[in-house]
PDB file of N, CA and C in Angstrom:
ATOM      1  N   UNK A   1     -29.947 -25.935   2.190  1.00  0.00           N
ATOM      2  CA  UNK A   1     -28.941 -25.557   1.596  1.00  0.00           C
ATOM      3  C   UNK A   1     -28.654 -24.716   0.239  1.00  0.00           C
ATOM      4  N   UNK A   2     -28.207 -23.308   0.138  1.00  0.00           N
ATOM      5  CA  UNK A   2     -28.524 -22.920  -0.845  1.00  0.00           C
ATOM      6  C   UNK A   2     -26.735 -22.973  -1.240  1.00  0.00           C
ATOM      7  N   UNK A   3     -26.592 -23.343  -2.753  1.00  0.00           N
ATOM      8  CA  UNK A   3     -25.142 -22.941  -3.558  1.00  0.00           C
ATOM      9  C   UNK A   3     -24.928 -21.411  -3.722  1.00  0.00           C
ATOM     10  N   UNK A   4     -23.679 -21.077  -2.797  1.00  0.00           N
ATOM     11  CA  UNK A   4     -23.114 -19.324  -3.075  1.00  0.00           C
ATOM     12  C   UNK A   4     -21.992 -19.495  -3.951  1.00  0.00           C
ATOM     13  N   UNK A   5     -21.873 -18.602  -4.725  1.00  0.00           N
ATOM     14  CA  UNK A   5     -21.015 -18.378  -5.898  1.00  0.00           C
ATOM     15  C   UNK A   5     -20.211 -16.986  -5.079  1.00  0.00           C
ATOM     16  N   UNK A   6     -18.799 -17.464  -4.361  1.00  0.00           N
ATOM     17  CA  UNK A   6     -18.266 -15.800  -3.897  1.00  0.00           C
ATOM     18  C   UNK A   6     -17.031 -16.066  -4.874  1.00  0.00           C
ATOM     19  N   UNK A   7     -17.066 -14.273  -4.933  1.00  0.00           N
ATOM     20  CA  UNK A   7     -15.909 -13.983  -6.052  1.00  0.00           C
ATOM     21  C   UNK A   7     -15.032 -13.330  -5.152  1.00  0.00           C
ATOM     22  N   UNK A   8     -13.709 -13.276  -4.930  1.00  0.00           N
ATOM     23  CA  UNK A   8     -12.461 -12.846  -4.008  1.00  0.00           C
ATOM     24  C   UNK A   8     -11.626 -12.225  -4.924  1.00  0.00           C
ATOM     25  N   UNK A   9     -10.913 -11.568  -4.374  1.00  0.00           N
ATOM     26  CA  UNK A   9      -9.266 -10.770  -5.032  1.00  0.00           C
ATOM     27  C   UNK A   9      -8.608 -12.071  -5.465  1.00  0.00           C
ATOM     28  N   UNK A  10      -8.186 -12.065  -6.022  1.00  0.00           N
ATOM     29  CA  UNK A  10      -7.448 -13.103  -6.704  1.00  0.00           C
ATOM     30  C   UNK A  10      -6.022 -13.094  -5.712  1.00  0.00           C
ATOM     31  N   UNK A  11      -5.540 -14.211  -4.964  1.00  0.00           N
ATOM     32  CA  UNK A  11      -4.591 -14.211  -4.076  1.00  0.00           C
ATOM     33  C   UNK A  11      -3.125 -14.010  -4.726  1.00  0.00           C
ATOM     34  N   UNK A  12      -3.067 -14.407  -5.961  1.00  0.00           N
ATOM     35  CA  UNK A  12      -1.807 -14.446  -6.750  1.00  0.00           C
ATOM     36  C   UNK A  12      -1.275 -12.903  -7.806  1.00  0.00           C
ATOM     37  N   UNK A  13      -2.273 -12.346  -7.685  1.00  0.00           N
ATOM     38  CA  UNK A  13      -1.768 -10.782  -8.171  1.00  0.00           C
ATOM     39  C   UNK A  13      -2.336 -10.012  -7.304  1.00  0.00           C
ATOM     40  N   UNK A  14      -3.223 -10.080  -6.032  1.00  0.00           N
ATOM     41  CA  UNK A  14      -3.587  -9.274  -5.205  1.00  0.00           C
ATOM     42  C   UNK A  14      -4.973  -8.162  -5.832  1.00  0.00           C
ATOM     43  N   UNK A  15      -5.662  -9.070  -6.715  1.00  0.00           N
ATOM     44  CA  UNK A  15      -6.626  -8.315  -7.675  1.00  0.00           C
ATOM     45  C   UNK A  15      -6.212  -6.933  -8.689  1.00  0.00           C
ATOM     46  N   UNK A  16      -4.837  -7.208  -8.936  1.00  0.00           N
ATOM     47  CA  UNK A  16      -5.027  -6.405 -10.276  1.00  0.00           C
ATOM     48  C   UNK A  16      -4.805  -6.852 -11.187  1.00  0.00           C
ATOM     49  N   UNK A  17      -4.717  -8.208 -11.452  1.00  0.00           N
ATOM     50  CA  UNK A  17      -4.943  -8.909 -12.867  1.00  0.00           C
ATOM     51  C   UNK A  17      -3.587  -8.892 -13.293  1.00  0.00           C
ATOM     52  N   UNK A  18      -2.459  -8.452 -12.871  1.00  0.00           N
ATOM     53  CA  UNK A  18      -1.178  -8.600 -13.462  1.00  0.00           C
ATOM     54  C   UNK A  18      -0.154  -8.985 -12.459  1.00  0.00           C
ATOM     55  N   UNK A  19       1.122  -9.419 -12.716  1.00  0.00           N
ATOM     56  CA  UNK A  19       2.455 -10.013 -11.793  1.00  0.00           C
ATOM     57  C   UNK A  19       3.506  -9.340 -12.540  1.00  0.00           C
ATOM     58  N   UNK A  20       4.233  -9.135 -11.248  1.00  0.00           N
ATOM     59  CA  UNK A  20       5.700  -8.576 -11.871  1.00  0.00           C
ATOM     60  C   UNK A  20       6.726 -10.036 -12.383  1.00  0.00           C
ATOM     61  N   UNK A  21       7.030  -9.555 -13.783  1.00  0.00           N
ATOM     62  CA  UNK A  21       8.359 -10.985 -14.435  1.00  0.00           C
ATOM     63  C   UNK A  21       9.444 -10.574 -14.450  1.00  0.00           C
ATOM     64  N   UNK A  22      11.149 -10.801 -14.061  1.00  0.00           N
ATOM     65  CA  UNK A  22      11.845 -10.721 -14.259  1.00  0.00           C
ATOM     66  C   UNK A  22      12.070 -11.093 -15.454  1.00  0.00           C
ATOM     67  N   UNK A  23      12.783 -10.577 -16.429  1.00  0.00           N
ATOM     68  CA  UNK A  23      13.318 -11.063 -17.419  1.00  0.00           C
ATOM     69  C   UNK A  23      14.529 -10.118 -17.822  1.00  0.00           C
ATOM     70  N   UNK A  24      15.169 -11.536 -18.223  1.00  0.00           N
ATOM     71  CA  UNK A  24      16.947 -11.577 -18.241  1.00  0.00           C
ATOM     72  C   UNK A  24      17.587 -10.714 -19.239  1.00  0.00           C
ATOM     73  N   UNK A  25      18.550  -9.688 -19.179  1.00  0.00           N
ATOM     74  CA  UNK A  25      18.765  -9.043 -20.407  1.00  0.00           C
ATOM     75  C   UNK A  25      20.277  -8.691 -20.653  1.00  0.00           C
ATOM     76  N   UNK A  26      20.812  -8.277 -21.539  1.00  0.00           N
ATOM     77  CA  UNK A  26      22.287  -8.133 -21.547  1.00  0.00           C
ATOM     78  C   UNK A  26      22.602  -7.271 -20.287  1.00  0.00           C
ATOM     79  N   UNK A  27      24.412  -6.859 -20.125  1.00  0.00           N
ATOM     80  CA  UNK A  27      24.770  -6.007 -19.138  1.00  0.00           C
ATOM     81  C   UNK A  27      24.725  -4.217 -19.964  1.00  0.00           C
ATOM     82  N   UNK A  28      24.200  -4.213 -20.621  1.00  0.00           N
ATOM     83  CA  UNK A  28      24.575  -2.865 -21.365  1.00  0.00           C
ATOM     84  C   UNK A  28      23.462  -1.514 -20.670  1.00  0.00           C
ATOM     85  N   UNK A  29      22.882  -2.527 -19.547  1.00  0.00           N
ATOM     86  CA  UNK A  29      21.711  -1.280 -18.500  1.00  0.00           C
ATOM     87  C   UNK A  29      22.734  -1.468 -17.041  1.00  0.00           C
ATOM     88  N   UNK A  30      23.713  -2.545 -17.203  1.00  0.00           N
ATOM     89  CA  UNK A  30      24.450  -2.239 -15.674  1.00  0.00           C
ATOM     90  C   UNK A  30      23.842  -3.206 -14.627  1.00  0.00           C
ATOM     91  N   UNK A  31      22.664  -4.100 -15.331  1.00  0.00           N
ATOM     92  CA  UNK A  31      21.946  -4.725 -14.260  1.00  0.00           C
ATOM     93  C   UNK A  31      21.687  -6.161 -15.096  1.00  0.00           C
ATOM     94  N   UNK A  32      21.416  -7.356 -14.623  1.00  0.00           N
ATOM     95  CA  UNK A  32      21.154  -8.570 -15.100  1.00  0.00           C
ATOM     96  C   UNK A  32      19.798  -9.118 -15.420  1.00  0.00           C
ATOM     97  N   UNK A  33      18.799  -7.846 -15.360  1.00  0.00           N
ATOM     98  CA  UNK A  33      17.331  -8.396 -15.541  1.00  0.00           C
ATOM     99  C   UNK A  33      16.614  -6.998 -15.853  1.00  0.00           C
ATOM    100  N   UNK A  34      15.460  -7.081 -16.544  1.00  0.00           N
ATOM    101  CA  UNK A  34      14.301  -5.852 -16.065  1.00  0.00           C
ATOM    102  C   UNK A  34      13.149  -6.441 -15.687  1.00  0.00           C
ATOM    103  N   UNK A  35      12.398  -5.724 -14.777  1.00  0.00           N
ATOM    104  CA  UNK A  35      10.631  -6.033 -14.527  1.00  0.00           C
ATOM    105  C   UNK A  35       9.631  -5.449 -15.564  1.00  0.00           C
ATOM    106  N   UNK A  36       9.076  -6.518 -15.893  1.00  0.00           N
ATOM    107  CA  UNK A  36       8.033  -5.894 -16.486  1.00  0.00           C
ATOM    108  C   UNK A  36       6.685  -6.731 -16.182  1.00  0.00           C
ATOM    109  N   UNK A  37       5.234  -6.489 -16.390  1.00  0.00           N
ATOM    110  CA  UNK A  37       3.737  -6.727 -15.815  1.00  0.00           C
ATOM    111  C   UNK A  37       3.768  -7.804 -16.751  1.00  0.00           C
ATOM    112  N   UNK A  38       3.295  -8.967 -16.444  1.00  0.00           N
ATOM    113  CA  UNK A  38       2.568  -9.658 -17.548  1.00  0.00           C
ATOM    114  C   UNK A  38       1.066  -9.981 -16.632  1.00  0.00           C
ATOM    115  N   UNK A  39       0.313 -10.787 -17.615  1.00  0.00           N
ATOM    116  CA  UNK A  39      -1.200 -11.272 -17.313  1.00  0.00           C
ATOM    117  C   UNK A  39      -1.068 -12.415 -16.040  1.00  0.00           C
ATOM    118  N   UNK A  40      -1.845 -12.006 -14.926  1.00  0.00           N
ATOM    119  CA  UNK A  40      -1.907 -13.387 -13.747  1.00  0.00           C
ATOM    120  C   UNK A  40      -2.799 -14.500 -14.841  1.00  0.00           C
ATOM    121  N   UNK A  41      -1.463 -15.664 -14.213  1.00  0.00           N
ATOM    122  CA  UNK A  41      -2.189 -16.549 -14.854  1.00  0.00           C
ATOM    123  C   UNK A  41      -2.892 -17.347 -13.904  1.00  0.00           C
ATOM    124  N   UNK A  42      -3.265 -17.081 -12.874  1.00  0.00           N
ATOM    125  CA  UNK A  42      -3.995 -17.522 -12.239  1.00  0.00           C
ATOM    126  C   UNK A  42      -5.827 -17.342 -12.285  1.00  0.00           C
ATOM    127  N   UNK A  43      -5.332 -15.868 -12.622  1.00  0.00           N
ATOM    128  CA  UNK A  43      -7.464 -15.442 -12.858  1.00  0.00           C
ATOM    129  C   UNK A  43      -7.228 -15.240 -14.244  1.00  0.00           C
ATOM    130  N   UNK A  44      -6.151 -15.251 -14.892  1.00  0.00           N
ATOM    131  CA  UNK A  44      -5.918 -14.490 -16.834  1.00  0.00           C
ATOM    132  C   UNK A  44      -6.449 -13.172 -16.890  1.00  0.00           C
ATOM    133  N   UNK A  45      -5.701 -12.451 -15.946  1.00  0.00           N
ATOM    134  CA  UNK A  45      -5.786 -10.830 -16.232  1.00  0.00           C
ATOM    135  C   UNK A  45      -7.327 -10.338 -15.601  1.00  0.00           C
ATOM    136  N   UNK A  46      -8.343 -11.517 -14.925  1.00  0.00           N
ATOM    137  CA  UNK A  46      -9.664 -10.481 -14.350  1.00  0.00           C
ATOM    138  C   UNK A  46      -9.453 -10.189 -12.983  1.00  0.00           C
ATOM    139  N   UNK A  47      -8.585 -10.103 -12.214  1.00  0.00           N
ATOM    140  CA  UNK A  47      -8.112 -10.328 -10.711  1.00  0.00           C
ATOM    141  C   UNK A  47      -8.833 -10.696  -9.891  1.00  0.00           C
ATOM    142  N   UNK A  48      -9.753 -11.288 -10.121  1.00  0.00           N
ATOM    143  CA  UNK A  48     -10.737 -11.903  -9.396  1.00  0.00           C
ATOM    144  C   UNK A  48     -10.750 -13.732  -9.317  1.00  0.00           C
ATOM    145  N   UNK A  49     -11.030 -14.048  -8.333  1.00  0.00           N
ATOM    146  CA  UNK A  49     -11.007 -15.711  -8.437  1.00  0.00           C
ATOM    147  C   UNK A  49     -12.605 -16.099  -7.253  1.00  0.00           C
ATOM    148  N   UNK A  50     -13.164 -17.200  -8.503  1.00  0.00           N
ATOM    149  CA  UNK A  50     -14.612 -17.527  -8.086  1.00  0.00           C
ATOM    150  C   UNK A  50     -14.457 -18.512  -7.579  1.00  0.00           C
ATOM    151  N   UNK A  51     -15.483 -19.009  -6.602  1.00  0.00           N
ATOM    152  CA  UNK A  51     -15.663 -20.275  -5.754  1.00  0.00           C
ATOM    153  C   UNK A  51     -16.873 -20.117  -5.164  1.00  0.00           C
ATOM    154  N   UNK A  52     -17.221 -21.636  -4.943  1.00  0.00           N
ATOM    155  CA  UNK A  52     -18.636 -21.728  -4.583  1.00  0.00           C
ATOM    156  C   UNK A  52     -18.586 -22.811  -3.646  1.00  0.00           C
ATOM    157  N   UNK A  53     -19.494 -22.813  -2.775  1.00  0.00           N
ATOM    158  CA  UNK A  53     -19.728 -23.948  -1.584  1.00  0.00           C
ATOM    159  C   UNK A  53     -21.335 -23.720  -1.202  1.00  0.00           C
ATOM    160  N   UNK A  54     -21.671 -25.170  -0.645  1.00  0.00           N
ATOM    161  CA  UNK A  54     -23.034 -25.009   0.124  1.00  0.00           C
ATOM    162  C   UNK A  54     -23.075 -24.106   1.553  1.00  0.00           C
ATOM    163  N   UNK A  55     -23.656 -23.280   1.640  1.00  0.00           N
ATOM    164  CA  UNK A  55     -24.104 -22.536   2.891  1.00  0.00           C
ATOM    165  C   UNK A  55     -25.537 -22.616   3.627  1.00  0.00           C
ATOM    166  N   UNK A  56     -26.226 -22.730   4.381  1.00  0.00           N
ATOM    167  CA  UNK A  56     -26.814 -22.009   4.727  1.00  0.00           C
ATOM    168  C   UNK A  56     -27.887 -20.977   5.118  1.00  0.00           C
ATOM    169  N   UNK A  57     -27.079 -20.272   4.550  1.00  0.00           N
ATOM    170  CA  UNK A  57     -27.763 -18.443   4.451  1.00  0.00           C
ATOM    171  C   UNK A  57     -26.281 -17.955   3.931  1.00  0.00           C
ATOM    172  N   UNK A  58     -26.286 -16.621   3.458  1.00  0.00           N
ATOM    173  CA  UNK A  58     -25.638 -15.868   2.751  1.00  0.00           C
ATOM    174  C   UNK A  58     -25.140 -15.191   3.797  1.00  0.00           C
ATOM    175  N   UNK A  59     -25.059 -15.141   4.822  1.00  0.00           N
ATOM    176  CA  UNK A  59     -24.255 -14.406   6.153  1.00  0.00           C
ATOM    177  C   UNK A  59     -23.326 -15.247   6.463  1.00  0.00           C
ATOM    178  N   UNK A  60     -23.516 -16.820   6.566  1.00  0.00           N
ATOM    179  CA  UNK A  60     -21.939 -17.631   6.866  1.00  0.00           C
ATOM    180  C   UNK A  60     -21.243 -17.513   5.547  1.00  0.00           C
ATOM    181  N   UNK A  61     -21.955 -17.436   4.171  1.00  0.00           N
ATOM    182  CA  UNK A  61     -20.781 -16.942   3.284  1.00  0.00           C
ATOM    183  C   UNK A  61     -19.917 -15.866   3.260  1.00  0.00           C
ATOM    184  N   UNK A  62     -20.731 -15.437   4.198  1.00  0.00           N
ATOM    185  CA  UNK A  62     -19.899 -13.215   4.046  1.00  0.00           C
ATOM    186  C   UNK A  62     -18.983 -13.678   5.282  1.00  0.00           C
ATOM    187  N   UNK A  63     -19.459 -14.616   6.125  1.00  0.00           N
ATOM    188  CA  UNK A  63     -18.505 -14.386   7.234  1.00  0.00           C
ATOM    189  C   UNK A  63     -17.251 -15.844   6.914  1.00  0.00           C
ATOM    190  N   UNK A  64     -17.293 -16.362   5.974  1.00  0.00           N
ATOM    191  CA  UNK A  64     -16.384 -17.003   5.748  1.00  0.00           C
ATOM    192  C   UNK A  64     -15.482 -16.628   4.434  1.00  0.00           C
ATOM    193  N   UNK A  65     -15.848 -15.538   3.969  1.00  0.00           N
ATOM    194  CA  UNK A  65     -14.866 -14.353   3.188  1.00  0.00           C
ATOM    195  C   UNK A  65     -15.577 -13.288   3.160  1.00  0.00           C
ATOM    196  N   UNK A  66     -14.728 -12.499   4.487  1.00  0.00           N
ATOM    197  CA  UNK A  66     -15.294 -11.355   4.529  1.00  0.00           C
ATOM    198  C   UNK A  66     -14.294 -10.143   3.633  1.00  0.00           C
ATOM    199  N   UNK A  67     -13.264 -10.643   2.681  1.00  0.00           N
ATOM    200  CA  UNK A  67     -12.689  -9.908   1.552  1.00  0.00           C
ATOM    201  C   UNK A  67     -13.788  -9.934   0.057  1.00  0.00           C
ATOM    202  N   UNK A  68     -14.853 -10.308   0.292  1.00  0.00           N
ATOM    203  CA  UNK A  68     -15.334 -11.011  -1.248  1.00  0.00           C
ATOM    204  C   UNK A  68     -15.895  -9.586  -1.775  1.00  0.00           C
ATOM    205  N   UNK A  69     -15.450 -10.016  -2.653  1.00  0.00           N
ATOM    206  CA  UNK A  69     -16.118  -8.712  -3.831  1.00  0.00           C
ATOM    207  C   UNK A  69     -17.548  -8.427  -4.349  1.00  0.00           C
ATOM    208  N   UNK A  70     -17.968  -9.948  -4.478  1.00  0.00           N
ATOM    209  CA  UNK A  70     -19.555  -9.928  -4.583  1.00  0.00           C
ATOM    210  C   UNK A  70     -19.762 -11.427  -3.991  1.00  0.00           C
ATOM    211  N   UNK A  71     -21.164 -11.778  -3.440  1.00  0.00           N
ATOM    212  CA  UNK A  71     -21.155 -13.326  -3.043  1.00  0.00           C
ATOM    213  C   UNK A  71     -22.870 -13.554  -4.092  1.00  0.00           C
ATOM    214  N   UNK A  72     -23.325 -14.137  -4.354  1.00  0.00           N
ATOM    215  CA  UNK A  72     -24.801 -14.741  -4.585  1.00  0.00           C
ATOM    216  C   UNK A  72     -25.064 -16.003  -4.206  1.00  0.00           C
ATOM    217  N   UNK A  73     -26.356 -16.021  -4.433  1.00  0.00           N
ATOM    218  CA  UNK A  73     -26.890 -17.335  -4.514  1.00  0.00           C
ATOM    219  C   UNK A  73     -27.220 -17.957  -5.613  1.00  0.00           C
ATOM    220  N   UNK A  74     -27.264 -19.327  -6.079  1.00  0.00           N
ATOM    221  CA  UNK A  74     -27.469 -20.064  -6.994  1.00  0.00           C
ATOM    222  C   UNK A  74     -28.624 -20.752  -7.195  1.00  0.00           C
ATOM    223  N   UNK A  75     -29.478 -20.663  -7.744  1.00  0.00           N
ATOM    224  CA  UNK A  75     -30.781 -21.553  -7.355  1.00  0.00           C
ATOM    225  C   UNK A  75     -31.112 -22.449  -8.827  1.00  0.00           C
TER     226      UNK A  75
END
C-alpha cells in the first residue's frame, strides 16, 4: 500500500479562498449590514484542502476523490 496525498477544492469556500461575511452598519444606507469577502479560515485562503490516506493504487484514490485537483504518491 502507498500513502497518497489528495488535494481537493476547499468545501468551505468552494475553492475560491474567500467567503462572504455580513458586517453590521448603521441605517444610513437603508440596511443593517453589508457583505464583505474575508479569507477562508478552513484553507487559510489557498482554496485547497489536502488529505492523505493509504491506497492500493492511485486509481483507487482518484475514484474516492473524483474532483481532486491533484493526487500524488508519497514514498
